[in-house]
Amino acid sequence: MIQALIVDDEPMQIQGLIRHIDWEKLGYAPPLTAESGEEALAALTSMSVDVLITDVSMPGMTGIELLARLKSDYPRLGSLQTLMISGYDEFEFVQEAIHLGAKAYVLKPIKTEEMEEKLLAFRGAIEKKNRIERETTALKEKVTGSLDVLQDRFVNDLIEGRAQTEQFEESWSRLLDLPSAEGQGTEQERERHIRLFLFVCDRLHAAQLEDARQRILLSDGLMRAVKVGMAEFPNLYIGRTGADEVAVIHLNGTPSDRAKTEKQFSFVQDVTREQFDVSVTIGVSRACGRWDEVSLLYKEVKHMAAKARLGGGGLVHYFDQTEATDYREFQLNQEDIPEIVRLLEAGEGDLAIAHFNRIFDLLLIRDAASFSYVQAFGMGLISELARKFKRPKEADGDMTIEMWQRLIACTGSEEVREVVLAYIDRYGRLGRKEQAAQQHHLIARIERYIEERLRDNVTVKQLAEQFQLNASYLSVLFKKETGKTLSDFVQETRMNKAKELLKDPNIKVYEVAEQVGFQTTAYFSYLFKKVTGFGPQEYRDYHYGK
């Protein structure tokens, strides 16, 4: 039942509300009462109350002052459903009460029906709020009760690169009680020590690959082995990142902690081998200090583990400077350069340049002493562009050879940047010219196609299917190239063709209408006169008559 508190300095007013309102029918318990603001404040802070009904004007603490006191000193009572009772000359005070959180008001003399309507609305709002709180509590209990699910989602959020916002750590800290960064002072002065362990099952037997049940058992078995092996260590977060792969995030581990956890690697490998006859390769990442770097840690270690498994698997590998250089080369050749090429191919020249500059800046930071590495990156990008997009030779010679020669002559990293950007810019300009030429050729083909099939009434959809284009894109492209809409072009072409046919006196007007795609002679004649100012026969007589 909902509990209300009535506050009024006139006892008769209180008794009238208690007597004339059917509280039980409305879903309320018998109301509590208070004859002053001070008495109400004591009741509100000591008992559970859902609805506050208070007069505006009372000696001592007024209803307005009571609300202000609750708002300033007892914020937990801010969710009270409050109804103000006022006289006509006190309406300006009601406005202040609403500002302080009152949900409704009634004017004296009080009408029972109006009062009950307000109380019913309050009950609906309270029931909805209670339902939301119950569902939220149940969800929290369900989520918190499954720590494994939470850790799995946390690890996958990090690996998938979702740690890009300030709210990320705050939200996960509430669920997982994450330890804070080490050290004191500003965010820059505080540091985390994040390391990633990756457990990957090596080659499976043919029977294991084909048996879904065996794959599921293996996946669960590897997960259990990692959890049991790492169970005694704090600040470890475990997640399944693939069918045969488990990642562990180790946060703020001391050298001693790391040594102890790494001693459990052999336990995981032994258990998995004994139960499933499968070896496990383990990769240990470098350390990083920010959540948004974990995604890169995972990519680096996964690449290292994949390469190591080619040699047989079943070992523990540590990511070092040699591995870092190898991964950067892989990333440049398999991810970064293809992405720049893709952006240029899509006509996104500005994005391609921005992506190139971002990669180049990272190279300067990570490989400051290796100018040859930066130079090799420039050569690789230009070579890939030259291979991917065959360009005709320009009047001043082959552009690619010219750029290679300029790269070889560079003596500094920024010179390399300028040369590659110049190539991208020139490539982009050539690409735009070629694209314009291709579009011009395409529109010319479409125009011929329409002219040859005037009597067929070809639709935009049919044109789009014929030339393998999106219908909307075709309409926009045609207007951009010709300055006319497709329908305008069709009408103009029909009229021009009709004028030609009308030169021959042996062709009847209805035959002209049919040949240019009109189903009725009447509509053709109407449209022809609208365009030329003459009916078809008038046009023939005026221009070609003897």
Protein backbone atom coordinates (compact mmCIF):
# COMPACT_ATOMS: atom_id res chain seq x y z
CA MET A 1 0.00 0.00 0.00
CA ILE A 2 1.09 3.58 -0.68
CA GLN A 3 1.70 5.79 2.34
CA ALA A 4 0.67 9.46 2.31
CA LEU A 5 1.38 12.24 4.81
CA ILE A 6 -1.09 15.15 5.13
CA VAL A 7 0.37 18.41 6.51
CA ASP A 8 -1.99 21.25 7.49
CA ASP A 9 -2.22 23.58 10.48
CA GLU A 10 -6.03 23.24 10.44
CA PRO A 11 -7.08 19.89 12.01
CA MET A 12 -10.55 20.16 10.41
CA GLN A 13 -8.95 20.32 6.97
CA ILE A 14 -6.96 17.14 7.73
CA GLN A 15 -10.00 15.27 9.03
CA GLY A 16 -12.02 16.30 6.00
CA LEU A 17 -9.43 14.75 3.65
CA ILE A 18 -9.24 11.57 5.71
CA ARG A 19 -13.04 11.21 5.86
CA HIS A 20 -14.09 12.14 2.31
CA ILE A 21 -11.42 10.28 0.31
CA ASP A 22 -11.64 6.48 -0.08
CA TRP A 23 -7.94 5.88 0.56
CA GLU A 24 -8.15 2.07 0.51
CA LYS A 25 -9.94 2.04 -2.83
CA LEU A 26 -7.22 4.25 -4.27
CA GLY A 27 -4.55 1.79 -3.07
CA TYR A 28 -3.37 3.89 -0.13
CA ALA A 29 -2.84 3.01 3.54
CA PRO A 30 -4.55 5.28 6.12
CA PRO A 31 -2.64 8.56 5.83
CA LEU A 32 -0.22 9.91 8.41
CA THR A 33 -0.82 13.47 9.60
CA ALA A 34 1.17 16.48 10.82
CA GLU A 35 -0.01 19.96 11.89
CA SER A 36 3.23 21.86 11.11
CA GLY A 37 6.19 21.82 8.80
CA GLU A 38 8.50 20.89 11.66
CA GLU A 39 6.32 17.94 12.67
CA ALA A 40 6.15 16.82 9.02
CA LEU A 41 9.91 16.99 8.68
CA ALA A 42 10.35 14.71 11.69
CA ALA A 43 7.84 12.22 10.27
CA LEU A 44 9.41 12.21 6.80
CA THR A 45 12.90 11.56 8.13
CA SER A 46 11.83 8.75 10.45
CA MET A 47 9.11 6.91 8.48
CA SER A 48 8.60 5.64 4.95
CA VAL A 49 6.36 8.05 3.04
CA ASP A 50 5.50 7.97 -0.67
CA VAL A 51 3.17 10.97 -1.08
CA LEU A 52 3.33 14.35 0.66
CA ILE A 53 0.15 16.51 0.76
CA THR A 54 0.86 19.90 2.27
CA ASP A 55 -0.80 23.28 2.61
CA VAL A 56 1.19 26.19 1.19
CA SER A 57 0.49 28.66 3.98
CA MET A 58 1.26 27.50 7.54
CA PRO A 59 2.68 29.35 10.58
CA GLY A 60 6.34 28.66 11.31
CA MET A 61 7.62 26.50 8.45
CA THR A 62 5.46 26.96 5.34
CA GLY A 63 4.84 24.23 2.77
CA ILE A 64 7.32 25.97 0.44
CA GLU A 65 9.98 26.05 3.15
CA LEU A 66 9.32 22.39 3.95
CA LEU A 67 10.00 21.44 0.31
CA ALA A 68 13.11 23.61 0.18
CA ARG A 69 14.43 21.97 3.37
CA LEU A 70 13.81 18.48 2.00
CA LYS A 71 15.55 19.32 -1.26
CA SER A 72 18.64 20.81 0.40
CA ASP A 73 19.09 18.54 3.44
CA TYR A 74 17.42 15.25 2.49
CA PRO A 75 18.03 14.58 -1.24
CA ARG A 76 16.93 10.95 -0.80
CA LEU A 77 13.39 12.31 -0.27
CA GLY A 78 13.51 14.13 -3.58
CA SER A 79 11.45 11.37 -5.23
CA LEU A 80 8.41 12.11 -3.05
CA GLN A 81 5.21 12.70 -4.98
CA THR A 82 4.16 16.11 -3.57
CA LEU A 83 0.72 17.73 -3.82
CA MET A 84 0.33 21.38 -2.78
CA ILE A 85 -2.93 22.84 -1.46
CA SER A 86 -3.36 26.57 -1.93
CA GLY A 87 -5.84 29.40 -2.02
CA TYR A 88 -6.45 31.45 -5.15
CA ASP A 89 -4.32 34.31 -3.83
CA GLU A 90 -1.35 32.00 -3.22
CA PHE A 91 -0.81 30.78 -6.77
CA GLU A 92 2.56 32.50 -7.15
CA PHE A 93 3.78 30.37 -4.23
CA VAL A 94 2.62 27.23 -6.01
CA GLN A 95 4.88 28.09 -8.92
CA GLU A 96 7.81 28.20 -6.52
CA ALA A 97 6.71 24.85 -5.06
CA ILE A 98 6.70 23.26 -8.51
CA HIS A 99 10.18 24.61 -9.05
CA LEU A 100 11.19 22.84 -5.82
CA GLY A 101 9.79 19.52 -7.01
CA ALA A 102 6.04 19.53 -6.32
CA LYS A 103 4.25 17.33 -8.85
CA ALA A 104 0.74 18.85 -8.65
CA TYR A 105 -1.53 21.27 -6.80
CA VAL A 106 -5.21 21.75 -5.95
CA LEU A 107 -7.02 24.96 -5.08
CA LYS A 108 -9.27 25.56 -2.08
CA PRO A 109 -12.05 24.74 -1.61
CA ILE A 110 -10.87 21.18 -2.33
CA LYS A 111 -12.97 19.02 -4.68
CA THR A 112 -12.87 15.33 -3.75
CA GLU A 113 -12.91 14.15 -7.38
CA GLU A 114 -9.92 16.34 -8.29
CA MET A 115 -8.01 15.18 -5.22
CA GLU A 116 -8.63 11.51 -6.02
CA GLU A 117 -7.56 12.06 -9.62
CA LYS A 118 -4.20 13.47 -8.44
CA LEU A 119 -3.73 10.61 -5.96
CA LEU A 120 -4.44 8.00 -8.65
CA ALA A 121 -1.86 9.64 -10.94
CA PHE A 122 0.66 9.56 -8.07
CA ARG A 123 -0.03 5.86 -7.49
CA GLY A 124 0.60 5.11 -11.18
CA ALA A 125 3.90 6.99 -11.14
CA ILE A 126 5.02 5.26 -7.92
CA GLU A 127 4.11 1.79 -9.21
CA LYS A 128 6.04 2.39 -12.44
CA LYS A 129 9.06 3.64 -10.49
CA ASN A 130 8.92 0.64 -8.13
CA ARG A 131 8.67 -1.72 -11.10
CA ILE A 132 11.74 -0.17 -12.73
CA GLU A 133 13.65 -0.41 -9.43
CA ARG A 134 12.66 -4.07 -9.00
CA GLU A 135 13.70 -4.94 -12.54
CA THR A 136 16.97 -3.01 -12.18
CA THR A 137 17.74 -4.76 -8.90
CA ALA A 138 16.96 -8.14 -10.41
CA LEU A 139 19.19 -7.38 -13.39
CA LYS A 140 22.03 -6.24 -11.12
CA GLU A 141 21.71 -9.41 -9.05
CA LYS A 142 21.66 -11.54 -12.18
CA VAL A 143 24.66 -9.80 -13.76
CA THR A 144 26.66 -9.53 -10.55
CA GLY A 145 25.90 -13.15 -9.79
CA SER A 146 27.70 -14.21 -12.94
CA LEU A 147 31.24 -12.90 -12.57
CA ASP A 148 32.41 -15.13 -15.39
CA VAL A 149 30.03 -13.46 -17.84
CA LEU A 150 31.12 -10.02 -16.67
CA GLN A 151 34.82 -10.79 -17.05
CA ASP A 152 34.26 -12.33 -20.47
CA ARG A 153 32.41 -9.22 -21.70
CA PHE A 154 35.01 -6.91 -20.15
CA VAL A 155 37.91 -8.67 -21.86
CA ASN A 156 36.11 -8.72 -25.20
CA ASP A 157 35.19 -5.03 -24.93
CA LEU A 158 38.88 -4.24 -24.47
CA ILE A 159 40.04 -6.48 -27.31
CA GLU A 160 37.38 -5.18 -29.71
CA GLY A 161 38.51 -1.60 -29.09
CA ARG A 162 35.51 -0.31 -27.14
CA ALA A 163 37.62 1.39 -24.44
CA GLN A 164 37.51 4.77 -26.16
CA THR A 165 35.35 6.79 -23.76
CA GLU A 166 35.82 8.22 -20.28
CA GLN A 167 32.76 6.27 -19.13
CA PHE A 168 34.32 2.91 -19.99
CA GLU A 169 36.43 2.48 -16.85
CA GLU A 170 33.79 4.08 -14.63
CA SER A 171 31.05 1.69 -15.76
CA TRP A 172 33.22 -1.43 -15.53
CA SER A 173 34.73 -0.36 -12.20
CA ARG A 174 31.27 -0.46 -10.64
CA LEU A 175 30.70 -4.01 -11.89
CA LEU A 176 34.16 -5.54 -11.41
CA ASP A 177 35.68 -3.34 -8.69
CA LEU A 178 38.71 -2.62 -10.88
CA PRO A 179 41.82 -1.47 -9.00
CA SER A 180 42.72 2.17 -9.60
CA ALA A 181 45.82 3.31 -11.45
CA GLU A 182 49.04 3.26 -9.49
CA GLY A 183 50.68 6.44 -8.22
CA GLN A 184 49.34 9.85 -7.26
CA GLY A 185 48.63 13.14 -9.02
CA THR A 186 47.13 13.82 -12.43
CA GLU A 187 45.87 11.20 -14.85
CA GLN A 188 49.15 11.54 -16.77
CA GLU A 189 51.16 10.91 -13.59
CA ARG A 190 49.12 7.86 -12.58
CA GLU A 191 49.83 4.68 -14.50
CA ARG A 192 48.32 1.24 -14.95
CA HIS A 193 50.36 -1.80 -15.73
CA ILE A 194 48.35 -3.91 -18.17
CA ARG A 195 49.61 -7.15 -19.65
CA LEU A 196 47.79 -9.74 -21.75
CA PHE A 197 48.22 -13.52 -21.85
CA LEU A 198 46.77 -15.39 -24.83
CA PHE A 199 46.15 -19.17 -24.68
CA VAL A 200 45.60 -20.71 -28.14
CA CYS A 201 44.94 -24.36 -28.95
CA ASP A 202 47.28 -25.63 -31.64
CA ARG A 203 46.40 -27.81 -34.64
CA LEU A 204 43.41 -30.03 -34.05
CA HIS A 205 43.02 -33.56 -35.35
CA ALA A 206 40.62 -34.03 -38.26
CA ALA A 207 38.10 -35.76 -35.97
CA GLN A 208 38.16 -32.83 -33.54
CA LEU A 209 37.69 -30.33 -36.35
CA GLU A 210 34.65 -32.18 -37.69
CA ASP A 211 33.01 -33.07 -34.34
CA ALA A 212 31.06 -30.06 -33.03
CA ARG A 213 30.67 -31.68 -29.61
CA GLN A 214 34.43 -32.17 -29.29
CA ARG A 215 35.07 -28.55 -30.29
CA ILE A 216 32.65 -27.30 -27.62
CA LEU A 217 34.20 -29.56 -24.98
CA LEU A 218 37.69 -28.40 -25.94
CA SER A 219 36.67 -24.73 -25.79
CA ASP A 220 35.08 -25.16 -22.35
CA GLY A 221 37.99 -27.32 -21.18
CA LEU A 222 40.59 -24.69 -22.10
CA MET A 223 38.52 -22.01 -20.35
CA ARG A 224 38.23 -24.12 -17.18
CA ALA A 225 41.93 -24.92 -17.18
CA VAL A 226 42.84 -21.23 -17.41
CA LYS A 227 40.35 -20.27 -14.67
CA VAL A 228 41.52 -22.99 -12.28
CA GLY A 229 45.17 -22.26 -12.96
CA MET A 230 44.72 -18.51 -12.38
CA ALA A 231 42.09 -18.70 -9.62
CA GLU A 232 44.35 -17.70 -6.72
CA PHE A 233 45.68 -14.49 -8.28
CA PRO A 234 44.03 -11.06 -7.92
CA ASN A 235 43.38 -8.54 -10.69
CA LEU A 236 43.11 -11.15 -13.44
CA TYR A 237 40.23 -10.92 -15.92
CA ILE A 238 39.53 -13.91 -18.15
CA GLY A 239 37.55 -14.00 -21.39
CA ARG A 240 36.93 -16.41 -24.24
CA THR A 241 38.06 -14.63 -27.44
CA GLY A 242 37.56 -17.49 -29.89
CA ALA A 243 36.39 -21.09 -30.11
CA ASP A 244 39.88 -22.34 -29.21
CA GLU A 245 41.32 -19.22 -27.58
CA VAL A 246 41.27 -17.56 -24.14
CA ALA A 247 42.69 -14.14 -23.19
CA VAL A 248 43.69 -13.01 -19.70
CA ILE A 249 44.14 -9.36 -18.72
CA HIS A 250 46.61 -8.93 -15.82
CA LEU A 251 46.24 -5.52 -14.19
CA ASN A 252 48.87 -3.80 -12.01
CA GLY A 253 50.81 -7.00 -11.46
CA THR A 254 54.16 -6.72 -9.67
CA PRO A 255 57.18 -8.64 -11.03
CA SER A 256 56.53 -11.22 -8.31
CA ASP A 257 52.86 -11.52 -9.32
CA ARG A 258 53.80 -11.99 -12.95
CA ALA A 259 56.33 -14.68 -12.12
CA LYS A 260 53.75 -16.59 -10.08
CA THR A 261 51.07 -16.40 -12.75
CA GLU A 262 53.47 -17.50 -15.47
CA LYS A 263 54.31 -20.60 -13.43
CA GLN A 264 50.70 -21.70 -14.03
CA PHE A 265 51.19 -21.76 -17.80
CA SER A 266 52.54 -25.29 -17.72
CA PHE A 267 49.52 -26.40 -15.66
CA VAL A 268 47.12 -25.15 -18.36
CA GLN A 269 49.19 -26.79 -21.10
CA ASP A 270 49.43 -30.12 -19.24
CA VAL A 271 45.72 -30.33 -18.42
CA THR A 272 44.66 -29.52 -21.98
CA ARG A 273 47.10 -32.04 -23.44
CA GLU A 274 46.00 -34.82 -21.04
CA GLN A 275 42.26 -34.25 -21.52
CA PHE A 276 42.10 -33.44 -25.22
CA ASP A 277 45.47 -34.43 -26.70
CA VAL A 278 45.96 -30.83 -27.86
CA SER A 279 48.95 -28.58 -27.22
CA VAL A 280 48.51 -24.93 -26.24
CA THR A 281 50.66 -22.02 -27.43
CA ILE A 282 50.82 -19.11 -24.98
CA GLY A 283 51.67 -15.53 -25.91
CA VAL A 284 52.68 -12.90 -23.33
CA SER A 285 52.28 -9.28 -24.40
CA ARG A 286 54.37 -6.23 -23.68
CA ALA A 287 53.03 -3.94 -20.95
CA CYS A 288 50.84 -0.92 -21.64
CA GLY A 289 49.32 1.79 -19.48
CA ARG A 290 45.94 2.56 -21.11
CA TRP A 291 42.78 0.56 -21.68
CA ASP A 292 42.54 1.66 -25.30
CA GLU A 293 45.92 0.01 -26.03
CA VAL A 294 44.71 -3.49 -25.09
CA SER A 295 43.22 -4.05 -28.55
CA LEU A 296 46.67 -3.54 -30.07
CA LEU A 297 48.27 -5.85 -27.46
CA TYR A 298 45.87 -8.57 -28.53
CA LYS A 299 46.61 -8.11 -32.24
CA GLU A 300 50.37 -8.16 -31.60
CA VAL A 301 50.27 -11.32 -29.48
CA LYS A 302 47.83 -13.11 -31.79
CA HIS A 303 50.14 -12.42 -34.74
CA MET A 304 53.14 -13.65 -32.75
CA ALA A 305 51.31 -16.82 -31.64
CA ALA A 306 50.10 -17.59 -35.17
CA LYS A 307 53.65 -17.31 -36.50
CA ALA A 308 55.05 -19.40 -33.63
CA ARG A 309 52.50 -22.17 -34.14
CA LEU A 310 53.83 -22.73 -37.65
CA GLY A 311 56.95 -24.10 -35.97
CA GLY A 312 55.05 -26.72 -33.95
CA GLY A 313 53.28 -24.94 -31.10
CA GLY A 314 53.04 -25.83 -27.43
CA LEU A 315 55.50 -23.18 -26.22
CA VAL A 316 55.39 -19.85 -24.36
CA HIS A 317 56.40 -16.77 -26.38
CA TYR A 318 57.17 -13.26 -25.13
CA PHE A 319 56.55 -10.18 -27.24
CA ASP A 320 59.84 -8.29 -27.61
CA GLN A 321 61.36 -5.63 -29.87
CA THR A 322 61.99 -8.11 -32.66
CA GLU A 323 58.36 -9.23 -32.53
CA ALA A 324 57.25 -5.59 -32.43
CA THR A 325 59.14 -4.81 -35.64
CA ASP A 326 57.78 -7.94 -37.30
CA TYR A 327 54.21 -7.07 -36.32
CA ARG A 328 54.54 -3.47 -37.51
CA GLU A 329 55.67 -4.73 -40.90
CA PHE A 330 52.74 -7.14 -40.99
CA GLN A 331 50.33 -4.38 -39.93
CA LEU A 332 51.67 -1.96 -42.55
CA ASN A 333 51.52 -4.48 -45.38
CA GLN A 334 48.31 -6.30 -44.45
CA GLU A 335 46.22 -3.59 -42.78
CA ASP A 336 47.42 0.00 -43.10
CA ILE A 337 48.54 0.17 -46.75
CA PRO A 338 45.46 -1.78 -47.96
CA GLU A 339 43.23 0.64 -46.01
CA ILE A 340 44.84 3.68 -47.67
CA VAL A 341 44.40 2.03 -51.07
CA ARG A 342 40.78 1.18 -50.27
CA LEU A 343 40.01 4.78 -49.29
CA LEU A 344 41.58 6.12 -52.48
CA GLU A 345 39.72 3.55 -54.56
CA ALA A 346 36.47 4.71 -52.92
CA GLY A 347 37.23 8.33 -53.79
CA GLU A 348 37.86 9.24 -50.12
CA GLY A 349 41.09 11.12 -50.76
CA ASP A 350 40.93 13.29 -47.63
CA LEU A 351 40.39 10.26 -45.39
CA ALA A 352 43.23 8.41 -47.13
CA ILE A 353 45.61 11.33 -46.46
CA ALA A 354 44.49 11.56 -42.82
CA HIS A 355 45.03 7.80 -42.38
CA PHE A 356 48.47 8.01 -44.00
CA ASN A 357 49.53 10.89 -41.74
CA ARG A 358 48.34 9.03 -38.64
CA ILE A 359 50.35 5.93 -39.56
CA PHE A 360 53.37 8.00 -40.51
CA ASP A 361 53.32 9.86 -37.17
CA LEU A 362 53.19 6.55 -35.30
CA LEU A 363 56.19 5.31 -37.27
CA LEU A 364 58.15 8.42 -36.31
CA ILE A 365 57.32 7.84 -32.65
CA ARG A 366 58.03 4.10 -32.60
CA ASP A 367 60.95 4.03 -35.05
CA ALA A 368 62.53 7.44 -34.58
CA ALA A 369 66.01 6.12 -35.32
CA SER A 370 65.06 4.09 -38.41
CA PHE A 371 64.80 6.44 -41.40
CA SER A 372 65.21 3.46 -43.75
CA TYR A 373 62.08 1.88 -42.27
CA VAL A 374 60.05 5.05 -42.92
CA GLN A 375 61.48 5.21 -46.43
CA ALA A 376 60.56 1.57 -47.03
CA PHE A 377 56.99 2.29 -45.94
CA GLY A 378 56.75 5.07 -48.54
CA MET A 379 58.15 2.79 -51.25
CA GLY A 380 55.72 0.03 -50.27
CA LEU A 381 52.69 2.32 -50.43
CA ILE A 382 53.64 3.78 -53.82
CA SER A 383 54.36 0.29 -55.18
CA GLU A 384 50.99 -0.99 -54.02
CA LEU A 385 49.17 1.97 -55.55
CA ALA A 386 51.05 1.48 -58.82
CA ARG A 387 50.21 -2.25 -58.82
CA LYS A 388 46.59 -1.82 -57.83
CA PHE A 389 45.75 1.02 -60.20
CA LYS A 390 47.45 0.92 -63.56
CA ARG A 391 47.92 4.48 -64.79
CA PRO A 392 48.87 5.57 -68.30
CA LYS A 393 52.19 7.37 -68.64
CA GLU A 394 52.00 11.10 -68.43
CA ALA A 395 53.75 13.48 -70.81
CA ASP A 396 56.57 14.07 -68.32
CA GLY A 397 57.32 10.38 -67.87
CA ASP A 398 56.13 7.57 -65.65
CA MET A 399 54.85 9.04 -62.41
CA THR A 400 55.72 6.02 -60.27
CA ILE A 401 59.35 5.83 -61.38
CA GLU A 402 59.68 9.55 -60.80
CA MET A 403 58.38 9.21 -57.25
CA TRP A 404 60.65 6.26 -56.49
CA GLN A 405 63.63 8.31 -57.59
CA ARG A 406 62.54 11.19 -55.38
CA LEU A 407 62.12 8.83 -52.40
CA ILE A 408 65.61 7.40 -52.85
CA ALA A 409 66.98 10.94 -52.86
CA CYS A 410 65.25 11.85 -49.57
CA THR A 411 67.47 12.50 -46.54
CA GLY A 412 64.79 12.97 -43.87
CA SER A 413 61.46 11.52 -42.79
CA GLU A 414 59.46 14.66 -43.52
CA GLU A 415 60.80 14.66 -47.08
CA VAL A 416 59.43 11.12 -47.44
CA ARG A 417 56.07 12.32 -46.18
CA GLU A 418 55.98 15.16 -48.74
CA VAL A 419 56.87 12.85 -51.64
CA VAL A 420 54.21 10.26 -50.75
CA LEU A 421 51.55 12.94 -50.19
CA ALA A 422 52.43 14.45 -53.58
CA TYR A 423 51.99 11.01 -55.18
CA ILE A 424 48.64 10.48 -53.44
CA ASP A 425 47.49 13.93 -54.56
CA ARG A 426 48.55 13.36 -58.18
CA TYR A 427 47.03 9.90 -58.14
CA GLY A 428 43.81 11.36 -56.77
CA ARG A 429 43.68 14.00 -59.52
CA LEU A 430 44.26 11.37 -62.19
CA GLY A 431 41.67 9.16 -60.55
CA ARG A 432 39.11 11.94 -60.59
CA LYS A 433 39.81 12.60 -64.28
CA GLU A 434 39.41 8.91 -65.07
CA GLN A 435 36.27 8.71 -63.00
CA ALA A 436 34.82 11.72 -64.82
CA ALA A 437 35.72 10.15 -68.17
CA GLN A 438 34.15 6.85 -67.14
CA GLN A 439 31.00 8.61 -65.98
CA HIS A 440 30.80 10.59 -69.21
CA HIS A 441 31.16 7.40 -71.24
CA LEU A 442 28.55 5.64 -69.09
CA ILE A 443 25.99 8.44 -69.47
CA ALA A 444 26.59 8.49 -73.24
CA ARG A 445 25.82 4.76 -73.36
CA ILE A 446 22.67 5.29 -71.32
CA GLU A 447 21.53 8.07 -73.65
CA ARG A 448 22.05 5.84 -76.70
CA TYR A 449 20.18 3.02 -74.97
CA ILE A 450 17.20 5.32 -74.31
CA GLU A 451 17.22 6.73 -77.85
CA GLU A 452 17.20 3.24 -79.36
CA ARG A 453 14.24 2.13 -77.21
CA LEU A 454 11.97 5.16 -77.12
CA ARG A 455 8.86 3.18 -77.94
CA ASP A 456 9.59 0.72 -75.07
CA ASN A 457 9.06 3.27 -72.26
CA VAL A 458 12.18 2.13 -70.38
CA THR A 459 11.92 2.90 -66.63
CA VAL A 460 14.68 4.12 -64.30
CA LYS A 461 14.61 0.76 -62.53
CA GLN A 462 15.16 -1.07 -65.84
CA LEU A 463 18.01 1.27 -66.73
CA ALA A 464 19.61 0.70 -63.32
CA GLU A 465 19.40 -3.08 -63.76
CA GLN A 466 20.75 -2.89 -67.31
CA PHE A 467 23.80 -0.86 -66.26
CA GLN A 468 24.19 -2.47 -62.81
CA LEU A 469 23.68 0.72 -60.82
CA ASN A 470 21.58 1.80 -57.89
CA ALA A 471 18.49 3.59 -59.28
CA SER A 472 18.89 6.64 -57.01
CA TYR A 473 22.60 6.91 -57.82
CA LEU A 474 21.83 6.65 -61.55
CA SER A 475 19.34 9.54 -61.34
CA VAL A 476 21.80 11.74 -59.43
CA LEU A 477 24.70 10.87 -61.75
CA PHE A 478 22.65 11.55 -64.88
CA LYS A 479 21.54 14.97 -63.61
CA LYS A 480 25.10 15.85 -62.59
CA GLU A 481 26.52 14.87 -65.98
CA THR A 482 23.83 16.29 -68.29
CA GLY A 483 22.12 18.97 -66.24
CA LYS A 484 18.79 17.23 -66.93
CA THR A 485 16.70 14.69 -65.11
CA LEU A 486 16.15 11.35 -66.82
CA SER A 487 12.48 12.16 -67.41
CA ASP A 488 13.37 15.52 -68.97
CA PHE A 489 15.90 13.84 -71.24
CA VAL A 490 13.40 11.17 -72.33
CA GLN A 491 10.75 13.80 -73.10
CA GLU A 492 13.22 15.98 -75.03
CA THR A 493 14.48 12.98 -76.99
CA ARG A 494 10.93 11.92 -77.84
CA MET A 495 10.03 15.39 -79.08
CA ASN A 496 13.19 15.63 -81.22
CA LYS A 497 12.53 12.19 -82.69
CA ALA A 498 8.91 13.15 -83.38
CA LYS A 499 10.03 16.30 -85.25
CA GLU A 500 12.26 14.13 -87.44
CA LEU A 501 9.47 11.66 -88.19
CA LEU A 502 7.02 14.45 -89.03
CA LYS A 503 9.26 15.41 -91.95
CA ASP A 504 7.97 12.33 -93.78
CA PRO A 505 4.37 13.03 -94.94
CA ASN A 506 3.79 9.30 -95.38
CA ILE A 507 4.02 8.64 -91.63
CA LYS A 508 0.71 9.23 -89.91
CA VAL A 509 0.59 11.24 -86.67
CA TYR A 510 -0.63 8.23 -84.69
CA GLU A 511 2.35 6.23 -86.06
CA VAL A 512 4.73 8.98 -84.90
CA ALA A 513 3.14 8.81 -81.45
CA GLU A 514 3.64 5.02 -81.31
CA GLN A 515 7.29 5.17 -82.48
CA VAL A 516 8.28 7.70 -79.81
CA GLY A 517 6.60 5.75 -77.01
CA PHE A 518 3.14 7.28 -76.49
CA GLN A 519 0.18 4.95 -75.99
CA THR A 520 -2.39 7.54 -77.09
CA THR A 521 -2.23 10.05 -79.92
CA ALA A 522 -4.21 12.54 -77.85
CA TYR A 523 -1.61 12.73 -75.08
CA PHE A 524 1.23 12.90 -77.62
CA SER A 525 -0.51 15.79 -79.42
CA TYR A 526 -1.12 17.60 -76.13
CA LEU A 527 2.50 17.28 -75.00
CA PHE A 528 3.92 18.11 -78.44
CA LYS A 529 1.90 21.34 -78.59
CA LYS A 530 2.96 22.22 -75.04
CA VAL A 531 6.63 21.89 -76.02
CA THR A 532 6.58 23.37 -79.55
CA GLY A 533 3.53 25.59 -79.59
CA PHE A 534 2.08 23.56 -82.50
CA GLY A 535 -0.01 20.43 -82.77
CA PRO A 536 1.81 17.62 -84.69
CA GLN A 537 -0.09 18.20 -87.95
CA GLU A 538 0.22 22.01 -87.58
CA TYR A 539 3.98 21.59 -87.03
CA ARG A 540 4.26 19.45 -90.19
CA ASP A 541 2.23 21.87 -92.31
CA TYR A 542 4.07 24.94 -91.01
CA HIS A 543 7.60 23.56 -91.39
CA TYR A 544 7.36 21.06 -94.22
CA GLY A 545 4.15 21.90 -96.08
CA LYS A 546 4.35 23.06 -99.71
